[in-house]
Structures are given as C-alpha cells and as structure tokens.
Amino acid sequence: MSFRLSQRDKDIIAFINQFRAVDRDSLVELFFKQLKSPVNACNSVMVRLYRLGLIERTQQYSPTVYLPVDAKIKKNSQKILHFLSILDVYKQMCAYSVPKHVIVEDKPTGQKGGIEPDLFCIFKGSPFWIEIQRNEYSEQKMQEKIHLYEELFFSDEWKALHWQPEDRATIFPSIILITSVRYAVSSDHIRIIQVASIHELMEKYKSAGKQQNKATVSSSSNGIRINLT
C-alpha cells in the first residue's frame, strides 16, 4: 500500500520517537491548536498513523497515549508516566521559548553508572541538564547524584559534546532539579537549581529581571546567574 505523509505527519512521528510517550492533548497543543477543531483533527490524524502502523498507542490512559512502533516499554508500564513528566517539562519551556538540542534521557558519557539526566536542552541560550524527581529520595542519594555530575565536570569530557558552541568558550550545563522537596545538596563546581516547575524558574527570573538582565536564582549554596534573556 502506498501513502504520502505530510510534513506534519513526519514531525509528529519524530516527536513521538523522541519523547517515547506522548498524550493526545499534548499533540493537540503542539501541532493542532491553530485549527478550528484541533481535537477532532488530531484524533483523525492519529487514527490514520496508527492504522498505517507508523505509531503505537495505549488506551490505558485517558486521553490516549501514543508510543513509537518499536517501543520497549509495556503499555501499562509506570515508565510511561516518567516520559509524560519529561514531556510536561518540555511543554512548560515552550510556553517561554522552544528549547534547542533536546535530548530525552541523555547519556553524555555513554557509560553505565554515569549521569543520566531526564532531559538535556539549551533553553533561552543556556544549557541545562534536568532531573525530574517524581519520588522523594534521601539526601545521601541526591548528593551522590551531584557527585556524578562533578566527576564529569573534572573529566573535561563534556567539552567535546556536540552541542558545545564552536565560536566561544565551552559551557558546563546548569543542573535543574524539578522537585517539590528541597534537598540540602551542594557543589562548589556546578550550578544547582531546585524548583518545583519551569514556571517557578521563570517567575524567579521575572522578579530578578526587574533589576538586571540576567536571572538570579538560588542554589543550594550561593546565588547563581544564568542567561535567560
């Protein structure tokens, strides 16, 4: 059977492959909101792509959640909620500026036991590794996670990552912990930002921006500056 895919079809498939699990309402928001009947249009497109065998879906969630055809997660897996939480953070960012160089479940060292942030992106000109804490962990476990980032910092491997700028000095990403719990973690070498959401981060920037062009947000130790202009 021959068929033609529109550019939007291709973009939707690529987006699902990138984020691993995408709910129908997020697709409406990101790809169809400019249409007269966005929900109906989205449903029609997604049914067609599913019947063509180009995406998978699970109806154990409402609204329907779509998965890549080669998804290695079960349709009732809690991992789906993990990926949806990553997607939610991405959508929050898009409300302010579309992130660039987005990597879901980044593994910058490529080694088991190294850092594995839930999301990497360049947001408003600054690189971030984002850890989304859906569960509460011990202070010790969170500090161990920070130590892994410090090990990477001292290794200098990060300077060769593909997204690093070619025309200026390399940058070690700031670490954003998306958490409803504030952990007493600290580092003398890397920037740590603890917020409950990206919206909270931007509110901090908005308040600080009345006095200066760069955002100042509190880390576990000292105030830090990040470029959110």
C-alpha atoms as a PDB file:
ATOM      1  CA  MET A   1       0.000   0.000   0.000  1.00  0.00           C
ATOM      2  CA  SER A   2       1.373   3.388  -0.956  1.00  0.00           C
ATOM      3  CA  PHE A   3       0.663   6.527   1.002  1.00  0.00           C
ATOM      4  CA  ARG A   4       2.002  10.018   1.341  1.00  0.00           C
ATOM      5  CA  LEU A   5       2.865  11.612   4.651  1.00  0.00           C
ATOM      6  CA  SER A   6       2.546  15.329   5.197  1.00  0.00           C
ATOM      7  CA  GLN A   7       5.349  17.222   6.897  1.00  0.00           C
ATOM      8  CA  ARG A   8       3.159  17.432   9.993  1.00  0.00           C
ATOM      9  CA  ASP A   9       2.744  13.635   9.952  1.00  0.00           C
ATOM     10  CA  LYS A  10       6.523  13.238   9.834  1.00  0.00           C
ATOM     11  CA  ASP A  11       7.027  15.798  12.596  1.00  0.00           C
ATOM     12  CA  ILE A  12       4.503  14.033  14.843  1.00  0.00           C
ATOM     13  CA  ILE A  13       6.130  10.621  14.320  1.00  0.00           C
ATOM     14  CA  ALA A  14       9.575  12.081  15.006  1.00  0.00           C
ATOM     15  CA  PHE A  15       8.288  13.810  18.136  1.00  0.00           C
ATOM     16  CA  ILE A  16       6.786  10.576  19.498  1.00  0.00           C
ATOM     17  CA  ASN A  17      10.027   8.733  18.752  1.00  0.00           C
ATOM     18  CA  GLN A  18      11.946  11.450  20.591  1.00  0.00           C
ATOM     19  CA  PHE A  19       9.782  11.662  23.731  1.00  0.00           C
ATOM     20  CA  ARG A  20       8.795   7.940  23.809  1.00  0.00           C
ATOM     21  CA  ALA A  21       5.280   8.584  25.174  1.00  0.00           C
ATOM     22  CA  VAL A  22       3.041  11.478  24.114  1.00  0.00           C
ATOM     23  CA  ASP A  23      -0.563  12.009  25.155  1.00  0.00           C
ATOM     24  CA  ARG A  24      -3.254  13.181  22.753  1.00  0.00           C
ATOM     25  CA  ASP A  25      -3.785  16.547  24.461  1.00  0.00           C
ATOM     26  CA  SER A  26      -0.089  17.389  24.167  1.00  0.00           C
ATOM     27  CA  LEU A  27      -0.226  16.639  20.444  1.00  0.00           C
ATOM     28  CA  VAL A  28      -3.249  18.926  20.150  1.00  0.00           C
ATOM     29  CA  GLU A  29      -1.360  21.700  21.940  1.00  0.00           C
ATOM     30  CA  LEU A  30       1.844  21.327  19.963  1.00  0.00           C
ATOM     31  CA  PHE A  31       0.600  20.503  16.461  1.00  0.00           C
ATOM     32  CA  PHE A  32      -3.099  21.338  16.056  1.00  0.00           C
ATOM     33  CA  LYS A  33      -4.074  24.275  18.268  1.00  0.00           C
ATOM     34  CA  GLN A  34      -4.230  26.689  15.330  1.00  0.00           C
ATOM     35  CA  LEU A  35      -7.020  24.686  13.660  1.00  0.00           C
ATOM     36  CA  LYS A  36     -10.761  25.276  14.034  1.00  0.00           C
ATOM     37  CA  SER A  37     -11.417  21.842  15.574  1.00  0.00           C
ATOM     38  CA  PRO A  38      -8.000  20.838  16.960  1.00  0.00           C
ATOM     39  CA  VAL A  39      -9.104  17.775  18.943  1.00  0.00           C
ATOM     40  CA  ASN A  40     -11.045  16.260  16.041  1.00  0.00           C
ATOM     41  CA  ALA A  41      -8.200  16.981  13.633  1.00  0.00           C
ATOM     42  CA  CYS A  42      -5.684  15.373  15.978  1.00  0.00           C
ATOM     43  CA  ASN A  43      -7.835  12.280  16.514  1.00  0.00           C
ATOM     44  CA  SER A  44      -8.247  11.835  12.773  1.00  0.00           C
ATOM     45  CA  VAL A  45      -4.507  12.107  12.086  1.00  0.00           C
ATOM     46  CA  MET A  46      -3.511   9.801  14.934  1.00  0.00           C
ATOM     47  CA  VAL A  47      -6.010   7.086  13.960  1.00  0.00           C
ATOM     48  CA  ARG A  48      -4.645   7.210  10.399  1.00  0.00           C
ATOM     49  CA  LEU A  49      -0.995   6.981  11.532  1.00  0.00           C
ATOM     50  CA  TYR A  50      -1.868   4.132  13.902  1.00  0.00           C
ATOM     51  CA  ARG A  51      -3.682   2.169  11.186  1.00  0.00           C
ATOM     52  CA  LEU A  52      -0.716   2.672   8.882  1.00  0.00           C
ATOM     53  CA  GLY A  53       1.470   1.022  11.529  1.00  0.00           C
ATOM     54  CA  LEU A  54       3.644   4.118  11.994  1.00  0.00           C
ATOM     55  CA  ILE A  55       2.927   4.605  15.701  1.00  0.00           C
ATOM     56  CA  GLU A  56       1.680   2.516  18.629  1.00  0.00           C
ATOM     57  CA  ARG A  57      -0.835   3.545  21.249  1.00  0.00           C
ATOM     58  CA  THR A  58      -2.134   2.607  24.668  1.00  0.00           C
ATOM     59  CA  GLN A  59      -5.652   3.374  25.762  1.00  0.00           C
ATOM     60  CA  GLN A  60      -4.965   2.542  29.385  1.00  0.00           C
ATOM     61  CA  TYR A  61      -4.625   6.279  29.888  1.00  0.00           C
ATOM     62  CA  SER A  62      -7.144   8.978  29.131  1.00  0.00           C
ATOM     63  CA  PRO A  63      -6.597  10.658  26.779  1.00  0.00           C
ATOM     64  CA  THR A  64      -4.810   8.091  24.635  1.00  0.00           C
ATOM     65  CA  VAL A  65      -1.018   7.927  24.854  1.00  0.00           C
ATOM     66  CA  TYR A  66       0.997   7.281  21.687  1.00  0.00           C
ATOM     67  CA  LEU A  67       4.274   5.347  21.554  1.00  0.00           C
ATOM     68  CA  PRO A  68       6.932   4.563  18.938  1.00  0.00           C
ATOM     69  CA  VAL A  69       6.327   1.396  16.931  1.00  0.00           C
ATOM     70  CA  ASP A  70       9.494  -0.135  18.395  1.00  0.00           C
ATOM     71  CA  ALA A  71       8.737   0.958  21.964  1.00  0.00           C
ATOM     72  CA  LYS A  72      10.369  -1.334  24.500  1.00  0.00           C
ATOM     73  CA  ILE A  73       8.018  -0.346  27.306  1.00  0.00           C
ATOM     74  CA  LYS A  74       4.825  -2.190  28.151  1.00  0.00           C
ATOM     75  CA  LYS A  75       1.577  -0.373  27.519  1.00  0.00           C
ATOM     76  CA  ASN A  76       0.758  -0.390  31.226  1.00  0.00           C
ATOM     77  CA  SER A  77       4.275   0.465  32.400  1.00  0.00           C
ATOM     78  CA  GLN A  78       4.917   3.182  35.006  1.00  0.00           C
ATOM     79  CA  LYS A  79       7.713   4.267  32.667  1.00  0.00           C
ATOM     80  CA  ILE A  80       5.028   5.932  30.551  1.00  0.00           C
ATOM     81  CA  LEU A  81       4.292   8.354  33.403  1.00  0.00           C
ATOM     82  CA  HIS A  82       8.017   9.086  33.581  1.00  0.00           C
ATOM     83  CA  PHE A  83       8.140  10.058  29.924  1.00  0.00           C
ATOM     84  CA  LEU A  84       4.963  12.118  30.250  1.00  0.00           C
ATOM     85  CA  SER A  85       6.577  14.077  33.088  1.00  0.00           C
ATOM     86  CA  ILE A  86       9.538  14.844  30.817  1.00  0.00           C
ATOM     87  CA  LEU A  87       7.127  15.971  28.120  1.00  0.00           C
ATOM     88  CA  ASP A  88       5.363  18.237  30.618  1.00  0.00           C
ATOM     89  CA  VAL A  89       8.640  19.985  31.482  1.00  0.00           C
ATOM     90  CA  TYR A  90       9.337  20.456  27.767  1.00  0.00           C
ATOM     91  CA  LYS A  91       5.887  21.977  27.223  1.00  0.00           C
ATOM     92  CA  GLN A  92       6.407  24.357  30.117  1.00  0.00           C
ATOM     93  CA  MET A  93       9.606  25.551  28.458  1.00  0.00           C
ATOM     94  CA  CYS A  94       7.823  26.005  25.139  1.00  0.00           C
ATOM     95  CA  ALA A  95       5.481  28.486  26.841  1.00  0.00           C
ATOM     96  CA  TYR A  96       8.511  30.801  27.113  1.00  0.00           C
ATOM     97  CA  SER A  97      10.866  29.710  24.328  1.00  0.00           C
ATOM     98  CA  VAL A  98      11.204  26.483  22.315  1.00  0.00           C
ATOM     99  CA  PRO A  99      14.266  24.588  23.654  1.00  0.00           C
ATOM    100  CA  LYS A 100      17.017  23.546  21.255  1.00  0.00           C
ATOM    101  CA  HIS A 101      19.198  20.418  21.083  1.00  0.00           C
ATOM    102  CA  VAL A 102      16.625  18.462  23.100  1.00  0.00           C
ATOM    103  CA  ILE A 103      17.780  15.013  24.265  1.00  0.00           C
ATOM    104  CA  VAL A 104      15.430  12.801  26.275  1.00  0.00           C
ATOM    105  CA  GLU A 105      17.228  10.594  28.819  1.00  0.00           C
ATOM    106  CA  ASP A 106      20.609  11.987  27.877  1.00  0.00           C
ATOM    107  CA  LYS A 107      23.650   9.766  28.471  1.00  0.00           C
ATOM    108  CA  PRO A 108      26.539  12.134  27.757  1.00  0.00           C
ATOM    109  CA  THR A 109      29.274   9.751  28.907  1.00  0.00           C
ATOM    110  CA  GLY A 110      27.753   6.725  27.187  1.00  0.00           C
ATOM    111  CA  GLN A 111      28.824   4.663  30.189  1.00  0.00           C
ATOM    112  CA  LYS A 112      26.709   2.734  32.658  1.00  0.00           C
ATOM    113  CA  GLY A 113      26.856   4.350  36.063  1.00  0.00           C
ATOM    114  CA  GLY A 114      27.448   7.820  34.697  1.00  0.00           C
ATOM    115  CA  ILE A 115      24.985  10.679  34.789  1.00  0.00           C
ATOM    116  CA  GLU A 116      21.646  10.050  33.090  1.00  0.00           C
ATOM    117  CA  PRO A 117      19.585  13.248  33.260  1.00  0.00           C
ATOM    118  CA  ASP A 118      15.980  13.008  32.191  1.00  0.00           C
ATOM    119  CA  LEU A 119      16.396  15.858  29.746  1.00  0.00           C
ATOM    120  CA  PHE A 120      19.101  17.971  28.164  1.00  0.00           C
ATOM    121  CA  CYS A 121      18.357  21.122  26.249  1.00  0.00           C
ATOM    122  CA  ILE A 122      19.534  24.617  25.500  1.00  0.00           C
ATOM    123  CA  PHE A 123      16.860  26.916  26.855  1.00  0.00           C
ATOM    124  CA  LYS A 124      16.995  30.635  26.209  1.00  0.00           C
ATOM    125  CA  GLY A 125      20.657  30.378  25.289  1.00  0.00           C
ATOM    126  CA  SER A 126      21.788  28.364  28.336  1.00  0.00           C
ATOM    127  CA  PRO A 127      22.463  24.593  28.500  1.00  0.00           C
ATOM    128  CA  PHE A 128      20.683  22.568  31.177  1.00  0.00           C
ATOM    129  CA  TRP A 129      20.606  19.010  32.424  1.00  0.00           C
ATOM    130  CA  ILE A 130      17.238  18.414  34.048  1.00  0.00           C
ATOM    131  CA  GLU A 131      16.454  15.820  36.696  1.00  0.00           C
ATOM    132  CA  ILE A 132      12.750  15.272  37.336  1.00  0.00           C
ATOM    133  CA  GLN A 133      12.164  13.865  40.809  1.00  0.00           C
ATOM    134  CA  ARG A 134       8.729  12.246  40.857  1.00  0.00           C
ATOM    135  CA  ASN A 135       9.602  10.405  44.082  1.00  0.00           C
ATOM    136  CA  GLU A 136      11.308  11.564  47.253  1.00  0.00           C
ATOM    137  CA  TYR A 137      14.885  10.372  47.788  1.00  0.00           C
ATOM    138  CA  SER A 138      17.353  10.546  50.666  1.00  0.00           C
ATOM    139  CA  GLU A 139      19.757  13.466  50.952  1.00  0.00           C
ATOM    140  CA  GLN A 140      22.626  10.992  50.561  1.00  0.00           C
ATOM    141  CA  LYS A 141      21.297   9.602  47.295  1.00  0.00           C
ATOM    142  CA  MET A 142      20.765  13.093  45.879  1.00  0.00           C
ATOM    143  CA  GLN A 143      24.266  14.186  46.883  1.00  0.00           C
ATOM    144  CA  GLU A 144      25.675  11.067  45.214  1.00  0.00           C
ATOM    145  CA  LYS A 145      23.868  12.134  42.059  1.00  0.00           C
ATOM    146  CA  ILE A 146      25.531  15.564  42.286  1.00  0.00           C
ATOM    147  CA  HIS A 147      28.929  13.894  42.777  1.00  0.00           C
ATOM    148  CA  LEU A 148      28.455  12.094  39.437  1.00  0.00           C
ATOM    149  CA  TYR A 149      27.983  15.465  37.766  1.00  0.00           C
ATOM    150  CA  GLU A 150      31.127  16.737  39.479  1.00  0.00           C
ATOM    151  CA  GLU A 151      33.086  13.722  38.221  1.00  0.00           C
ATOM    152  CA  LEU A 152      32.019  14.585  34.678  1.00  0.00           C
ATOM    153  CA  PHE A 153      32.951  18.228  35.275  1.00  0.00           C
ATOM    154  CA  PHE A 154      36.509  17.296  36.257  1.00  0.00           C
ATOM    155  CA  SER A 155      36.873  14.787  33.420  1.00  0.00           C
ATOM    156  CA  ASP A 156      36.613  17.520  30.764  1.00  0.00           C
ATOM    157  CA  GLU A 157      34.708  15.033  28.552  1.00  0.00           C
ATOM    158  CA  TRP A 158      31.801  17.472  28.468  1.00  0.00           C
ATOM    159  CA  LYS A 159      33.882  19.967  26.482  1.00  0.00           C
ATOM    160  CA  ALA A 160      33.620  17.708  23.410  1.00  0.00           C
ATOM    161  CA  LEU A 161      29.828  17.269  23.470  1.00  0.00           C
ATOM    162  CA  HIS A 162      28.284  18.002  20.087  1.00  0.00           C
ATOM    163  CA  TRP A 163      26.141  20.945  21.209  1.00  0.00           C
ATOM    164  CA  GLN A 164      29.045  22.952  22.591  1.00  0.00           C
ATOM    165  CA  PRO A 165      29.498  26.332  20.832  1.00  0.00           C
ATOM    166  CA  GLU A 166      32.253  26.497  18.237  1.00  0.00           C
ATOM    167  CA  ASP A 167      32.792  30.248  18.422  1.00  0.00           C
ATOM    168  CA  ARG A 168      33.157  30.756  22.180  1.00  0.00           C
ATOM    169  CA  ALA A 169      34.188  29.050  25.413  1.00  0.00           C
ATOM    170  CA  THR A 170      32.661  25.697  26.315  1.00  0.00           C
ATOM    171  CA  ILE A 171      29.934  25.680  28.968  1.00  0.00           C
ATOM    172  CA  PHE A 172      29.111  23.104  31.633  1.00  0.00           C
ATOM    173  CA  PRO A 173      25.315  22.912  31.904  1.00  0.00           C
ATOM    174  CA  SER A 174      23.475  24.061  34.981  1.00  0.00           C
ATOM    175  CA  ILE A 175      21.584  21.278  36.784  1.00  0.00           C
ATOM    176  CA  ILE A 176      17.860  21.807  37.315  1.00  0.00           C
ATOM    177  CA  LEU A 177      16.192  19.584  39.890  1.00  0.00           C
ATOM    178  CA  ILE A 178      12.439  19.603  39.291  1.00  0.00           C
ATOM    179  CA  THR A 179      11.255  18.669  42.762  1.00  0.00           C
ATOM    180  CA  SER A 180       8.600  19.528  45.295  1.00  0.00           C
ATOM    181  CA  VAL A 181      11.145  18.692  48.023  1.00  0.00           C
ATOM    182  CA  ARG A 182      14.192  20.890  48.650  1.00  0.00           C
ATOM    183  CA  TYR A 183      17.337  18.818  49.175  1.00  0.00           C
ATOM    184  CA  ALA A 184      20.374  20.012  51.124  1.00  0.00           C
ATOM    185  CA  VAL A 185      22.729  19.238  48.242  1.00  0.00           C
ATOM    186  CA  SER A 186      25.639  21.445  47.289  1.00  0.00           C
ATOM    187  CA  SER A 187      28.571  21.797  44.917  1.00  0.00           C
ATOM    188  CA  ASP A 188      31.439  24.238  44.678  1.00  0.00           C
ATOM    189  CA  HIS A 189      31.847  23.492  40.983  1.00  0.00           C
ATOM    190  CA  ILE A 190      28.486  23.189  39.252  1.00  0.00           C
ATOM    191  CA  ARG A 191      25.273  25.196  39.361  1.00  0.00           C
ATOM    192  CA  ILE A 192      22.282  23.552  41.006  1.00  0.00           C
ATOM    193  CA  ILE A 193      18.785  24.978  40.734  1.00  0.00           C
ATOM    194  CA  GLN A 194      15.896  23.462  42.682  1.00  0.00           C
ATOM    195  CA  VAL A 195      12.402  24.433  41.565  1.00  0.00           C
ATOM    196  CA  ALA A 196       9.008  22.761  41.516  1.00  0.00           C
ATOM    197  CA  SER A 197       8.464  23.635  37.850  1.00  0.00           C
ATOM    198  CA  ILE A 198       9.824  25.602  34.936  1.00  0.00           C
ATOM    199  CA  HIS A 199       7.123  28.151  35.665  1.00  0.00           C
ATOM    200  CA  GLU A 200       8.686  28.710  39.102  1.00  0.00           C
ATOM    201  CA  LEU A 201      12.096  29.116  37.486  1.00  0.00           C
ATOM    202  CA  MET A 202      10.754  31.751  35.137  1.00  0.00           C
ATOM    203  CA  GLU A 203       8.932  33.561  37.943  1.00  0.00           C
ATOM    204  CA  LYS A 204      12.254  33.814  39.766  1.00  0.00           C
ATOM    205  CA  TYR A 205      13.800  35.210  36.592  1.00  0.00           C
ATOM    206  CA  LYS A 206      10.911  37.611  36.101  1.00  0.00           C
ATOM    207  CA  SER A 207      11.323  39.022  39.597  1.00  0.00           C
ATOM    208  CA  ALA A 208      15.077  39.334  39.284  1.00  0.00           C
ATOM    209  CA  GLY A 209      14.777  40.709  35.760  1.00  0.00           C
ATOM    210  CA  LYS A 210      13.247  43.898  37.060  1.00  0.00           C
ATOM    211  CA  GLN A 211      16.676  44.776  38.440  1.00  0.00           C
ATOM    212  CA  GLN A 212      19.036  43.094  35.985  1.00  0.00           C
ATOM    213  CA  ASN A 213      19.090  41.448  32.581  1.00  0.00           C
ATOM    214  CA  LYS A 214      20.220  38.055  33.829  1.00  0.00           C
ATOM    215  CA  ALA A 215      18.216  35.825  36.101  1.00  0.00           C
ATOM    216  CA  THR A 216      19.456  35.176  39.592  1.00  0.00           C
ATOM    217  CA  VAL A 217      18.089  32.068  41.218  1.00  0.00           C
ATOM    218  CA  SER A 218      19.091  30.487  44.495  1.00  0.00           C
ATOM    219  CA  SER A 219      21.072  27.266  44.502  1.00  0.00           C
ATOM    220  CA  SER A 220      21.873  25.090  47.466  1.00  0.00           C
ATOM    221  CA  SER A 221      24.793  27.356  48.370  1.00  0.00           C
ATOM    222  CA  ASN A 222      25.187  30.664  46.585  1.00  0.00           C
ATOM    223  CA  GLY A 223      23.080  32.711  44.198  1.00  0.00           C
ATOM    224  CA  ILE A 224      23.842  31.833  40.584  1.00  0.00           C
ATOM    225  CA  ARG A 225      23.420  33.629  37.312  1.00  0.00           C
ATOM    226  CA  ILE A 226      22.066  32.027  34.169  1.00  0.00           C
ATOM    227  CA  ASN A 227      21.276  33.551  30.844  1.00  0.00           C
ATOM    228  CA  LEU A 228      17.510  33.530  30.388  1.00  0.00           C
ATOM    229  CA  THR A 229      17.262  36.629  28.213  1.00  0.00           C
END
